[in-house]
Amino acid sequence: MTDSYLAPRILLSGGPDRFRRQVERLLGQLGFKDVVDIDGSGDHGGDLLGTRNGQLWVFQSKWKRTGAVDCAAVDEASRAQDHYGASRAVVVTNTRPSADAEQRARELLRIGRRVDFWNGGELQELLQAAEEHPLMTLRDYQDSAATALWADLQRSRRALLVLATGLGKTVVGGEVIGRFLRENPGQDVLVVAHQKPLVNQLERALWRHLPKRVKTQVLSSDDKPTDLAGVTCATTASALNAVLRGWRPGLVMVDETHHVGEDGQYYRLLDALKDSWQFGVTATPWRGDKYDIETRFGAASFKLGIEDGMRRGYLAAVDYRLFVDNIDWDAVREASEHQYSIKELNSRLFLPQRDEAVIDALIDAWHQTPSPRGIVFCQTIEHCERMETLLRRLPQWRHAAALHTDMPKRERQQRLLDFRAGRIPVLTAVDILNEGVDVPDVNILAFARVTHSRRIFVQQLGRGLRLREGKDTVLALDFVSDIRRVAALLNLRRQLDAEDIEVLPRVPQPKITFDNIRAESLLEQWILDAADLETSNDEAKLQFLDPEVLPA
């Protein structure tokens, strides 16, 4: 039998960060819920938090190459217990506590403060006693998707999953990986993504799908394990380096597959692993350079988009409101006499809207929505922070927070945790929430004059479409500044109105409306082929109708 991921040899080789993640995985296997990594500057002595049987536990993770853990770890755990209001505190180590540490724990116990120890040998015993994760109960479409992927992998060693954000791409991918490992014990698996935060998130998401002893690790510029047995979640460059040194996993999953092109690191990586089974997962199979990812993975093994997901009740129905009362009607008539590029047209057609107008509409939406939780997507970091300041002036949003790539990682993580917990009612964000972030409580989205990208639009809209108890609708407010966004919504509306899509009873019906009927009529006449316009670049020239046929 191969070593488990908690074997002493593996714990010793991993280092402190890897040890903390191994403990995090064990907590999930022991039945802890909402396990959160809080390690970092200002963590008040805690490394992990988790809830079990309604009680909050705090864990101090202490990896050591040699020697015992001293009494300082006990004091840190006790301090963390106070700060986080935890019922239990535990020092977890790959070695053992020193006599002084045990004495310090006894002293605290005499005054009613309990700090426990989980030692290296005990960790394996805890894992041995833990039950295997039960096979997930999949939704019918997830089961169909996993079956289709497996069939294509067996037939051609290639497969592709196209599944809208919120429908569980990683769940389906995890089921395929779990089946592969159960049928091919001892084989290695590579899961590759283009960004380290996604790689870290993927490792966590896959744990519940894997046999409990299977080792997992992250491979990136910061994490460089020498043993890649089991499941390795890696950034593209690091995966390529390992493969060029001779590593050959039996199965490869490519997350966010739309990043795969006809050249570059993905191309070299997948070509080098041509004998491995390969499958990709994405919600947005379109690329700006028009490269078709089906040339790499074959035709989609299974596909379910936003439209079908909403109509069948798998996603929240969207109440989408386009604000287009900022149209410059003089520019409309000019556009009918000239050929403008999309970039030129957008700058002439849509008059600048005040941020205060966005907030006024958001106030109305807030009052209409039970238990409102919102995200405002902004143009730039400066715009994001300005919107945060404006929102905080109002009492219901005094805890509003910005989220962008210029702030430290720990601060971003803390704000996301606070948002999920309800302590932050609304986030202002730039593109950071596009990929790989799960925020199912969101029921209001506002697009504050953002430039349209088909892929980013679908990803951002998908942030609000994930169902949860008590939520079946998401309200979207779009302050339009790009005619391609209008094309995208008209195209989506046509697809939602299609008669050949199965509609489940008692499922709220999605709707897409304009705040200005005259503008809606104009734009519908202008956009004769919404699908083509939606994917056009900034320099594409447009020809519009004669002014005499435009609405008066």
Protein backbone atom coordinates (compact mmCIF):
# COMPACT_ATOMS: atom_id res chain seq x y z
CA MET A 1 0.00 0.00 0.00
CA THR A 2 1.33 3.45 -0.89
CA ASP A 3 1.88 6.01 1.85
CA SER A 4 -1.03 8.25 2.76
CA TYR A 5 -0.64 12.01 2.48
CA LEU A 6 -0.10 12.10 6.28
CA ALA A 7 2.76 9.58 6.34
CA PRO A 8 5.73 10.93 8.37
CA ARG A 9 8.01 10.93 5.32
CA ILE A 10 5.55 13.03 3.33
CA LEU A 11 4.85 15.42 6.21
CA LEU A 12 8.57 15.97 6.74
CA SER A 13 9.26 16.73 3.08
CA GLY A 14 6.41 19.20 2.66
CA GLY A 15 7.36 22.14 4.86
CA PRO A 16 5.10 24.40 6.95
CA ASP A 17 2.74 25.64 4.22
CA ARG A 18 2.15 22.16 2.82
CA PHE A 19 1.60 20.80 6.35
CA ARG A 20 -1.06 23.41 7.03
CA ARG A 21 -2.92 22.40 3.85
CA GLN A 22 -2.65 18.72 4.79
CA VAL A 23 -4.23 19.51 8.15
CA GLU A 24 -6.92 21.51 6.37
CA ARG A 25 -7.75 18.49 4.21
CA LEU A 26 -7.85 16.20 7.26
CA LEU A 27 -10.32 18.52 8.99
CA GLY A 28 -12.72 18.13 6.07
CA GLN A 29 -12.40 14.36 6.28
CA LEU A 30 -13.15 14.52 10.02
CA GLY A 31 -16.43 16.30 9.40
CA PHE A 32 -15.43 19.91 10.02
CA LYS A 33 -17.38 22.50 8.04
CA ASP A 34 -16.39 25.93 6.72
CA VAL A 35 -12.67 25.25 7.19
CA VAL A 36 -10.73 28.46 6.51
CA ASP A 37 -6.99 29.12 6.25
CA ILE A 38 -6.29 32.30 8.26
CA ASP A 39 -2.51 32.05 8.39
CA GLY A 40 -0.56 35.24 7.84
CA SER A 41 0.42 38.54 9.36
CA GLY A 42 -2.16 39.53 11.96
CA ASP A 43 -3.61 36.03 12.34
CA HIS A 44 -3.58 36.39 16.18
CA GLY A 45 -1.96 32.99 16.62
CA GLY A 46 -4.39 30.97 14.52
CA ASP A 47 -3.74 29.13 11.27
CA LEU A 48 -7.04 27.33 10.58
CA LEU A 49 -10.65 27.72 11.68
CA GLY A 50 -13.35 25.09 11.38
CA THR A 51 -16.79 24.29 12.75
CA ARG A 52 -17.88 20.90 14.09
CA ASN A 53 -21.17 20.09 15.82
CA GLY A 54 -21.91 23.80 16.04
CA GLN A 55 -18.62 24.64 17.80
CA LEU A 56 -15.83 26.78 16.36
CA TRP A 57 -12.33 25.30 16.60
CA VAL A 58 -9.03 27.11 16.04
CA PHE A 59 -5.84 25.30 15.03
CA GLN A 60 -2.21 26.33 15.38
CA SER A 61 -0.19 24.42 12.77
CA LYS A 62 3.44 23.73 13.70
CA TRP A 63 5.69 21.92 11.23
CA LYS A 64 9.20 21.10 12.41
CA ARG A 65 12.07 19.35 10.71
CA THR A 66 13.41 18.10 14.04
CA GLY A 67 12.64 18.55 17.71
CA ALA A 68 9.51 19.19 19.71
CA VAL A 69 7.02 22.05 19.74
CA ASP A 70 7.60 24.46 22.61
CA CYS A 71 5.17 26.22 24.94
CA ALA A 72 4.98 29.32 22.70
CA ALA A 73 2.70 27.35 20.38
CA VAL A 74 0.33 26.68 23.28
CA ASP A 75 0.20 30.39 24.12
CA GLU A 76 -0.46 31.26 20.46
CA ALA A 77 -3.32 28.78 20.26
CA SER A 78 -4.82 30.13 23.49
CA ARG A 79 -4.54 33.71 22.23
CA ALA A 80 -6.23 32.71 18.95
CA GLN A 81 -9.03 31.02 20.90
CA ASP A 82 -9.72 34.33 22.65
CA HIS A 83 -9.55 36.42 19.50
CA TYR A 84 -11.83 34.24 17.36
CA GLY A 85 -14.19 33.22 20.15
CA ALA A 86 -13.45 29.53 19.55
CA SER A 87 -14.75 26.77 21.79
CA ARG A 88 -11.69 24.56 21.23
CA ALA A 89 -8.00 25.19 20.50
CA VAL A 90 -5.57 22.61 19.09
CA VAL A 91 -1.84 22.65 18.40
CA VAL A 92 -1.19 20.34 15.42
CA THR A 93 2.36 19.18 14.74
CA ASN A 94 4.17 16.62 12.63
CA THR A 95 6.47 15.87 15.59
CA ARG A 96 5.45 16.09 19.26
CA PRO A 97 4.97 18.66 22.05
CA SER A 98 7.83 19.31 24.43
CA ALA A 99 7.50 18.64 28.14
CA ASP A 100 7.29 22.41 28.68
CA ALA A 101 4.44 22.68 26.16
CA GLU A 102 2.50 19.90 27.87
CA GLN A 103 3.10 21.56 31.24
CA ARG A 104 1.86 24.89 29.86
CA ALA A 105 -1.32 23.20 28.58
CA ARG A 106 -1.94 21.68 32.03
CA GLU A 107 -1.53 25.10 33.65
CA LEU A 108 -4.09 26.62 31.30
CA LEU A 109 -6.50 23.75 31.91
CA ARG A 110 -6.43 24.46 35.65
CA ILE A 111 -7.86 27.91 34.94
CA GLY A 112 -10.48 26.55 32.55
CA ARG A 113 -8.61 27.04 29.26
CA ARG A 114 -8.11 23.87 27.20
CA VAL A 115 -5.49 23.48 24.48
CA ASP A 116 -5.15 20.02 22.91
CA PHE A 117 -2.34 18.45 20.88
CA TRP A 118 -2.57 16.45 17.67
CA ASN A 119 0.81 14.82 17.06
CA GLY A 120 2.43 13.24 14.01
CA GLY A 121 1.46 9.67 14.78
CA GLU A 122 -2.07 10.63 15.81
CA LEU A 123 -2.71 12.32 12.48
CA GLN A 124 -2.44 9.01 10.63
CA GLU A 125 -4.73 7.39 13.20
CA LEU A 126 -7.31 10.13 12.69
CA LEU A 127 -7.12 9.64 8.92
CA GLN A 128 -7.43 5.87 9.30
CA ALA A 129 -10.57 6.31 11.41
CA ALA A 130 -12.12 8.83 9.01
CA GLU A 131 -14.58 7.45 6.49
CA GLU A 132 -14.05 7.80 2.77
CA HIS A 133 -15.93 10.72 1.31
CA PRO A 134 -19.21 9.24 0.05
CA LEU A 135 -19.66 9.47 -3.69
CA MET A 136 -21.39 12.75 -4.44
CA THR A 137 -25.03 12.75 -5.41
CA LEU A 138 -24.78 14.45 -8.77
CA ARG A 139 -27.48 16.41 -10.51
CA ASP A 140 -28.76 14.58 -13.55
CA TYR A 141 -26.86 16.80 -16.00
CA GLN A 142 -23.63 16.45 -13.95
CA ASP A 143 -23.96 12.67 -14.07
CA SER A 144 -24.59 12.83 -17.82
CA ALA A 145 -21.59 15.12 -18.26
CA ALA A 146 -19.23 12.87 -16.28
CA THR A 147 -20.44 9.82 -18.22
CA ALA A 148 -19.95 11.59 -21.56
CA LEU A 149 -16.44 12.77 -20.63
CA TRP A 150 -15.43 9.28 -19.54
CA ALA A 151 -16.77 7.72 -22.73
CA ASP A 152 -14.85 10.17 -24.92
CA LEU A 153 -11.67 9.69 -22.89
CA GLN A 154 -11.92 5.93 -23.33
CA ARG A 155 -12.63 6.30 -27.04
CA SER A 156 -10.16 9.00 -28.09
CA ARG A 157 -8.22 10.03 -24.94
CA ARG A 158 -9.64 13.55 -25.39
CA ALA A 159 -12.78 15.21 -24.01
CA LEU A 160 -14.24 18.69 -23.47
CA LEU A 161 -16.82 19.98 -21.00
CA VAL A 162 -18.61 23.30 -21.60
CA LEU A 163 -20.69 24.12 -18.54
CA ALA A 164 -21.97 27.54 -17.47
CA THR A 165 -20.56 29.14 -14.35
CA GLY A 166 -22.50 27.89 -11.34
CA LEU A 167 -23.29 24.45 -12.77
CA GLY A 168 -20.32 22.64 -11.24
CA LYS A 169 -17.47 22.22 -13.74
CA THR A 170 -15.06 21.22 -10.98
CA VAL A 171 -17.58 18.77 -9.53
CA VAL A 172 -17.80 16.97 -12.88
CA GLY A 173 -14.03 17.13 -13.39
CA GLY A 174 -13.46 15.82 -9.87
CA GLU A 175 -15.76 12.86 -10.50
CA VAL A 176 -13.79 11.96 -13.63
CA ILE A 177 -10.49 12.21 -11.73
CA GLY A 178 -11.83 10.15 -8.82
CA ARG A 179 -13.02 7.42 -11.19
CA PHE A 180 -9.68 7.41 -13.00
CA LEU A 181 -7.78 6.93 -9.72
CA ARG A 182 -10.10 4.21 -8.49
CA GLU A 183 -9.70 2.31 -11.76
CA ASN A 184 -5.98 3.10 -12.12
CA PRO A 185 -4.47 3.09 -8.61
CA GLY A 186 -0.91 4.36 -8.60
CA GLN A 187 -1.35 6.56 -11.68
CA ASP A 188 -0.64 10.29 -11.44
CA VAL A 189 -3.02 13.10 -12.37
CA LEU A 190 -2.19 16.66 -13.47
CA VAL A 191 -4.70 19.48 -13.05
CA VAL A 192 -3.43 22.62 -14.75
CA ALA A 193 -4.60 26.25 -14.60
CA HIS A 194 -3.14 29.56 -15.68
CA GLN A 195 -3.05 31.29 -12.27
CA LYS A 196 -1.77 30.19 -8.87
CA PRO A 197 -4.92 31.25 -6.94
CA LEU A 198 -6.95 28.96 -9.22
CA VAL A 199 -4.48 26.13 -8.66
CA ASN A 200 -4.79 26.45 -4.89
CA GLN A 201 -8.57 26.54 -5.12
CA LEU A 202 -8.69 23.52 -7.41
CA GLU A 203 -6.65 21.42 -4.99
CA ARG A 204 -9.11 22.16 -2.20
CA ALA A 205 -12.14 21.53 -4.40
CA LEU A 206 -10.87 18.13 -5.53
CA TRP A 207 -10.25 16.67 -2.07
CA ARG A 208 -13.82 15.47 -1.61
CA HIS A 209 -13.70 13.52 -4.89
CA LEU A 210 -10.51 11.56 -4.17
CA PRO A 211 -9.78 8.36 -2.26
CA LYS A 212 -8.86 9.54 1.23
CA ARG A 213 -5.23 8.40 1.15
CA VAL A 214 -4.32 9.90 -2.24
CA LYS A 215 -1.68 12.60 -1.96
CA THR A 216 -2.24 16.03 -3.50
CA GLN A 217 0.14 18.93 -3.98
CA VAL A 218 0.45 22.32 -5.62
CA LEU A 219 3.23 22.90 -8.14
CA SER A 220 4.04 26.54 -8.92
CA SER A 221 6.83 29.09 -8.78
CA ASP A 222 6.37 29.20 -4.98
CA ASP A 223 5.66 25.50 -4.34
CA LYS A 224 8.13 22.98 -5.76
CA PRO A 225 7.51 19.48 -4.40
CA THR A 226 9.90 16.82 -5.63
CA ASP A 227 7.36 14.00 -5.35
CA LEU A 228 4.44 14.41 -7.78
CA ALA A 229 2.68 11.14 -6.96
CA GLY A 230 -1.10 11.38 -6.70
CA VAL A 231 -2.81 14.56 -7.91
CA THR A 232 -0.74 17.62 -8.78
CA CYS A 233 -2.46 20.98 -9.30
CA ALA A 234 -0.03 23.15 -11.22
CA THR A 235 0.41 26.40 -13.06
CA THR A 236 1.16 25.99 -16.75
CA ALA A 237 4.85 26.91 -16.66
CA SER A 238 5.61 24.70 -13.65
CA ALA A 239 3.74 21.75 -15.15
CA LEU A 240 5.65 22.14 -18.41
CA ASN A 241 8.99 22.16 -16.56
CA ALA A 242 8.09 18.94 -14.72
CA VAL A 243 6.99 17.25 -17.94
CA LEU A 244 10.17 18.31 -19.76
CA ARG A 245 12.11 16.61 -16.93
CA GLY A 246 10.28 13.37 -17.67
CA TRP A 247 7.14 13.32 -15.49
CA ARG A 248 4.23 11.61 -17.25
CA PRO A 249 0.81 11.78 -15.55
CA GLY A 250 -1.82 9.42 -16.89
CA LEU A 251 -4.63 11.99 -16.88
CA VAL A 252 -4.60 15.75 -17.49
CA MET A 253 -7.44 18.16 -16.67
CA VAL A 254 -7.15 21.71 -18.04
CA ASP A 255 -9.22 24.22 -16.08
CA GLU A 256 -10.54 27.35 -17.83
CA THR A 257 -9.68 25.69 -21.13
CA HIS A 258 -10.35 28.84 -23.16
CA HIS A 259 -6.77 29.86 -22.27
CA VAL A 260 -5.41 27.07 -24.47
CA GLY A 261 -4.19 28.42 -27.82
CA GLU A 262 -2.48 27.10 -30.92
CA ASP A 263 0.94 27.94 -29.53
CA GLY A 264 2.58 28.85 -26.23
CA GLN A 265 3.07 26.88 -23.01
CA TYR A 266 -0.27 25.08 -23.06
CA TYR A 267 0.45 23.90 -26.60
CA ARG A 268 3.88 22.55 -25.63
CA LEU A 269 2.58 20.93 -22.46
CA LEU A 270 -0.31 19.10 -24.08
CA ASP A 271 1.80 18.04 -27.05
CA ALA A 272 4.42 16.58 -24.72
CA LEU A 273 1.65 14.59 -22.99
CA LYS A 274 0.00 13.39 -26.19
CA ASP A 275 -0.19 9.82 -24.85
CA SER A 276 -2.03 10.89 -21.67
CA TRP A 277 -5.78 11.20 -21.36
CA GLN A 278 -6.64 14.92 -21.59
CA PHE A 279 -9.86 16.80 -20.94
CA GLY A 280 -10.71 20.46 -20.62
CA VAL A 281 -13.43 22.29 -18.69
CA THR A 282 -14.69 25.81 -19.33
CA ALA A 283 -17.77 27.98 -19.11
CA THR A 284 -16.61 30.24 -21.93
CA PRO A 285 -15.12 28.38 -24.90
CA TRP A 286 -14.41 31.56 -26.91
CA ARG A 287 -11.00 33.10 -27.43
CA GLY A 288 -10.17 36.57 -28.67
CA ASP A 289 -7.92 35.15 -31.40
CA LYS A 290 -10.73 32.90 -32.75
CA TYR A 291 -8.73 29.73 -32.04
CA ASP A 292 -11.16 26.83 -31.67
CA ILE A 293 -10.31 24.71 -28.62
CA GLU A 294 -12.19 21.80 -30.18
CA THR A 295 -9.20 21.30 -32.47
CA ARG A 296 -7.29 20.26 -29.34
CA PHE A 297 -9.94 18.41 -27.30
CA GLY A 298 -12.51 17.40 -29.91
CA ALA A 299 -16.16 18.42 -30.04
CA ALA A 300 -17.71 19.15 -26.65
CA SER A 301 -18.54 15.89 -24.89
CA PHE A 302 -21.27 17.71 -23.00
CA LYS A 303 -22.54 21.28 -23.15
CA LEU A 304 -25.01 23.21 -20.99
CA GLY A 305 -25.10 27.00 -21.23
CA ILE A 306 -26.57 29.80 -19.17
CA GLU A 307 -29.79 29.85 -21.17
CA ASP A 308 -30.64 26.18 -20.64
CA GLY A 309 -29.40 26.31 -17.06
CA MET A 310 -31.82 29.10 -16.17
CA ARG A 311 -34.79 27.69 -18.06
CA ARG A 312 -34.37 24.28 -16.43
CA GLY A 313 -33.99 25.65 -12.93
CA TYR A 314 -30.34 24.73 -12.41
CA LEU A 315 -29.31 28.39 -12.22
CA ALA A 316 -31.00 31.40 -10.71
CA ALA A 317 -33.26 33.20 -13.18
CA VAL A 318 -31.93 36.61 -14.13
CA ASP A 319 -33.95 39.82 -13.99
CA TYR A 320 -31.69 41.86 -16.26
CA ARG A 321 -32.28 45.60 -16.57
CA LEU A 322 -30.38 47.65 -19.13
CA PHE A 323 -30.03 51.36 -18.43
CA VAL A 324 -29.71 53.08 -21.81
CA ASP A 325 -31.30 56.46 -21.16
CA ASN A 326 -27.84 57.98 -21.66
CA ILE A 327 -28.00 57.63 -25.45
CA ASP A 328 -27.00 60.76 -27.36
CA TRP A 329 -29.68 61.02 -30.06
CA ASP A 330 -27.64 63.49 -32.09
CA ALA A 331 -24.92 60.83 -32.28
CA VAL A 332 -27.55 58.35 -33.45
CA ARG A 333 -28.24 60.37 -36.55
CA GLU A 334 -24.54 60.98 -37.16
CA ALA A 335 -23.90 57.25 -36.95
CA SER A 336 -26.43 56.65 -39.69
CA GLU A 337 -24.41 58.89 -42.00
CA HIS A 338 -20.93 57.56 -41.15
CA GLN A 339 -19.20 54.24 -40.69
CA TYR A 340 -17.91 54.30 -37.14
CA SER A 341 -15.76 51.67 -35.49
CA ILE A 342 -17.25 50.13 -32.36
CA LYS A 343 -14.78 52.09 -30.23
CA GLU A 344 -15.75 55.37 -31.93
CA LEU A 345 -19.44 54.59 -31.70
CA ASN A 346 -19.31 53.78 -28.00
CA SER A 347 -17.57 57.06 -27.22
CA ARG A 348 -20.19 59.04 -29.22
CA LEU A 349 -23.36 57.09 -28.54
CA PHE A 350 -23.32 56.61 -24.77
CA LEU A 351 -23.06 59.80 -22.72
CA PRO A 352 -21.06 59.46 -19.48
CA GLN A 353 -23.24 58.46 -16.54
CA ARG A 354 -22.65 59.76 -13.05
CA ASP A 355 -21.64 57.25 -10.38
CA GLU A 356 -24.48 58.69 -8.31
CA ALA A 357 -26.96 57.43 -10.93
CA VAL A 358 -25.61 53.92 -10.49
CA ILE A 359 -26.01 54.21 -6.72
CA ASP A 360 -29.57 55.55 -7.02
CA ALA A 361 -30.57 52.51 -9.08
CA LEU A 362 -28.76 50.23 -6.64
CA ILE A 363 -30.72 51.73 -3.73
CA ASP A 364 -34.01 50.93 -5.48
CA ALA A 365 -32.85 47.39 -6.21
CA TRP A 366 -31.70 46.93 -2.61
CA HIS A 367 -35.15 47.78 -1.27
CA GLN A 368 -36.81 45.34 -3.71
CA THR A 369 -34.58 42.36 -2.87
CA PRO A 370 -34.90 40.09 0.18
CA SER A 371 -31.57 39.70 2.04
CA PRO A 372 -29.67 41.72 -0.57
CA ARG A 373 -25.99 41.01 -1.29
CA GLY A 374 -24.33 42.79 -4.19
CA ILE A 375 -21.29 43.11 -6.41
CA VAL A 376 -20.58 46.26 -8.45
CA PHE A 377 -18.24 45.57 -11.38
CA CYS A 378 -16.17 48.65 -12.21
CA GLN A 379 -13.92 49.83 -15.04
CA THR A 380 -10.63 50.39 -13.20
CA ILE A 381 -9.09 50.11 -9.74
CA GLU A 382 -9.50 53.86 -9.27
CA HIS A 383 -13.18 53.59 -10.22
CA CYS A 384 -13.57 50.59 -7.91
CA GLU A 385 -12.21 52.51 -4.92
CA ARG A 386 -14.26 55.61 -5.77
CA MET A 387 -17.45 53.53 -5.82
CA GLU A 388 -16.49 51.99 -2.47
CA THR A 389 -16.17 55.49 -0.97
CA LEU A 390 -19.54 56.59 -2.36
CA LEU A 391 -21.31 53.47 -1.13
CA ARG A 392 -19.88 53.79 2.38
CA ARG A 393 -21.57 57.17 2.78
CA LEU A 394 -24.92 55.38 3.07
CA PRO A 395 -25.76 53.57 6.33
CA GLN A 396 -26.79 50.28 4.73
CA TRP A 397 -23.43 50.10 2.94
CA ARG A 398 -21.07 51.55 5.54
CA HIS A 399 -19.12 48.25 5.41
CA ALA A 400 -18.87 48.16 1.60
CA ALA A 401 -15.45 47.04 0.40
CA ALA A 402 -13.35 47.18 -2.74
CA LEU A 403 -11.65 44.09 -4.17
CA HIS A 404 -8.82 44.32 -6.69
CA THR A 405 -5.37 42.98 -7.52
CA ASP A 406 -3.43 45.90 -6.02
CA MET A 407 -4.33 44.91 -2.46
CA PRO A 408 -2.47 42.18 -0.51
CA LYS A 409 -3.69 38.61 -1.00
CA ARG A 410 -4.57 38.19 2.69
CA GLU A 411 -6.71 41.33 2.63
CA ARG A 412 -8.56 40.09 -0.47
CA GLN A 413 -9.18 36.73 1.18
CA GLN A 414 -10.42 38.36 4.37
CA ARG A 415 -12.83 40.59 2.46
CA LEU A 416 -14.22 37.61 0.54
CA LEU A 417 -14.68 35.72 3.82
CA ASP A 418 -16.44 38.72 5.36
CA PHE A 419 -18.64 39.04 2.27
CA ARG A 420 -19.64 35.36 2.39
CA ALA A 421 -20.37 35.70 6.12
CA GLY A 422 -22.58 38.75 5.56
CA ARG A 423 -20.31 41.24 7.32
CA ILE A 424 -19.74 43.05 4.01
CA PRO A 425 -23.02 43.72 2.17
CA VAL A 426 -21.60 44.83 -1.18
CA LEU A 427 -18.28 44.53 -2.99
CA THR A 428 -16.90 46.79 -5.69
CA ALA A 429 -14.61 44.83 -7.97
CA VAL A 430 -12.54 44.91 -11.11
CA ASP A 431 -11.84 41.70 -13.07
CA ILE A 432 -10.65 39.76 -10.00
CA LEU A 433 -14.02 38.00 -9.55
CA ASN A 434 -14.19 36.67 -13.10
CA GLU A 435 -12.73 33.19 -12.62
CA GLY A 436 -12.71 30.63 -9.87
CA VAL A 437 -14.50 32.49 -7.08
CA ASP A 438 -17.62 31.03 -5.48
CA VAL A 439 -20.01 33.65 -4.03
CA PRO A 440 -23.45 31.98 -4.17
CA ASP A 441 -25.15 34.49 -1.85
CA VAL A 442 -24.93 37.28 -4.43
CA ASN A 443 -28.38 38.30 -5.66
CA ILE A 444 -27.64 41.77 -7.11
CA LEU A 445 -25.06 42.50 -9.80
CA ALA A 446 -24.32 45.98 -11.14
CA PHE A 447 -22.19 46.62 -14.22
CA ALA A 448 -20.96 50.21 -13.95
CA ARG A 449 -20.01 51.19 -17.49
CA VAL A 450 -17.72 48.22 -18.09
CA THR A 451 -16.27 47.47 -21.52
CA HIS A 452 -17.84 44.38 -23.03
CA SER A 453 -16.01 41.10 -23.47
CA ARG A 454 -18.17 38.09 -24.21
CA ARG A 455 -16.07 35.80 -22.04
CA ILE A 456 -15.77 38.19 -19.09
CA PHE A 457 -19.46 39.08 -19.29
CA VAL A 458 -20.52 35.43 -19.02
CA GLN A 459 -18.09 34.88 -16.14
CA GLN A 460 -19.25 37.95 -14.22
CA LEU A 461 -22.93 37.23 -14.78
CA GLY A 462 -22.24 33.69 -13.61
CA ARG A 463 -21.12 35.03 -10.21
CA GLY A 464 -24.78 35.65 -9.40
CA LEU A 465 -26.40 32.62 -11.02
CA ARG A 466 -25.46 29.95 -8.48
CA LEU A 467 -28.52 28.76 -6.57
CA ARG A 468 -28.77 28.62 -2.80
CA GLU A 469 -31.59 28.12 -0.33
CA GLY A 470 -33.97 31.07 -0.51
CA LYS A 471 -32.50 32.42 -3.75
CA ASP A 472 -33.99 31.69 -7.17
CA THR A 473 -33.47 35.04 -8.93
CA VAL A 474 -30.58 37.44 -9.43
CA LEU A 475 -31.15 41.09 -10.32
CA ALA A 476 -28.65 42.57 -12.79
CA LEU A 477 -28.32 46.32 -13.39
CA ASP A 478 -26.30 47.22 -16.47
CA PHE A 479 -25.31 50.83 -17.13
CA VAL A 480 -24.46 50.28 -20.75
CA SER A 481 -21.42 51.88 -22.35
CA ASP A 482 -20.72 49.35 -25.12
CA ILE A 483 -23.08 48.41 -27.95
CA ARG A 484 -21.67 44.87 -27.89
CA ARG A 485 -23.20 44.42 -24.45
CA VAL A 486 -26.61 45.25 -25.88
CA ALA A 487 -26.00 42.74 -28.67
CA ALA A 488 -25.09 40.09 -26.10
CA LEU A 489 -28.29 40.68 -24.12
CA LEU A 490 -30.53 40.72 -27.18
CA ASN A 491 -28.94 37.47 -28.27
CA LEU A 492 -29.47 35.98 -24.80
CA ARG A 493 -33.09 37.14 -24.80
CA ARG A 494 -33.74 35.43 -28.13
CA GLN A 495 -32.27 32.21 -26.83
CA LEU A 496 -34.30 32.38 -23.62
CA ASP A 497 -37.45 32.92 -25.69
CA ALA A 498 -36.73 29.88 -27.88
CA GLU A 499 -39.60 27.41 -27.82
CA ASP A 500 -37.47 24.28 -28.02
CA ILE A 501 -35.92 24.73 -24.56
CA GLU A 502 -37.53 22.62 -21.85
CA VAL A 503 -39.12 24.83 -19.17
CA LEU A 504 -39.67 23.35 -15.73
CA PRO A 505 -42.86 24.29 -13.86
CA ARG A 506 -42.62 26.69 -10.93
CA VAL A 507 -39.19 27.91 -12.06
CA PRO A 508 -38.97 31.75 -12.16
CA GLN A 509 -38.65 32.90 -15.74
CA PRO A 510 -35.68 35.05 -16.72
CA LYS A 511 -36.35 38.43 -18.30
CA ILE A 512 -34.30 41.12 -19.99
CA THR A 513 -35.74 44.64 -20.12
CA PHE A 514 -34.66 48.15 -21.12
CA ASP A 515 -35.41 51.24 -19.06
CA ASN A 516 -36.03 53.24 -22.25
CA ILE A 517 -38.45 51.87 -24.86
CA ARG A 518 -37.29 54.26 -27.57
CA ALA A 519 -33.66 53.24 -27.08
CA GLU A 520 -34.65 49.57 -27.05
CA SER A 521 -36.44 49.96 -30.38
CA LEU A 522 -33.46 51.74 -31.91
CA LEU A 523 -30.93 49.19 -30.72
CA GLU A 524 -33.04 46.23 -31.82
CA GLN A 525 -33.24 47.70 -35.33
CA TRP A 526 -29.56 48.49 -35.41
CA ILE A 527 -28.36 45.13 -34.16
CA LEU A 528 -29.53 42.85 -36.93
CA ASP A 529 -27.00 40.12 -36.16
CA ALA A 530 -26.35 40.29 -32.44
CA ALA A 531 -24.13 37.21 -32.31
CA ASP A 532 -21.61 38.65 -34.79
CA LEU A 533 -21.59 42.12 -33.26
CA GLU A 534 -21.13 40.72 -29.77
CA THR A 535 -17.75 39.22 -30.66
CA SER A 536 -16.48 42.05 -32.89
CA ASN A 537 -13.32 43.92 -31.93
CA ASP A 538 -13.01 47.64 -31.21
CA GLU A 539 -11.96 48.52 -34.75
CA ALA A 540 -14.83 46.75 -36.56
CA LYS A 541 -16.80 49.20 -38.72
CA LEU A 542 -20.59 49.32 -38.43
CA GLN A 543 -23.19 50.45 -40.96
CA PHE A 544 -26.52 51.59 -39.52
CA LEU A 545 -30.01 52.24 -40.82
CA ASP A 546 -31.03 55.45 -42.53
CA PRO A 547 -32.17 58.05 -39.99
CA GLU A 548 -35.63 58.19 -41.57
CA VAL A 549 -36.48 54.72 -40.28
CA LEU A 550 -35.26 55.39 -36.77
CA PRO A 551 -37.82 55.99 -34.01
CA ALA A 552 -38.83 59.59 -33.61
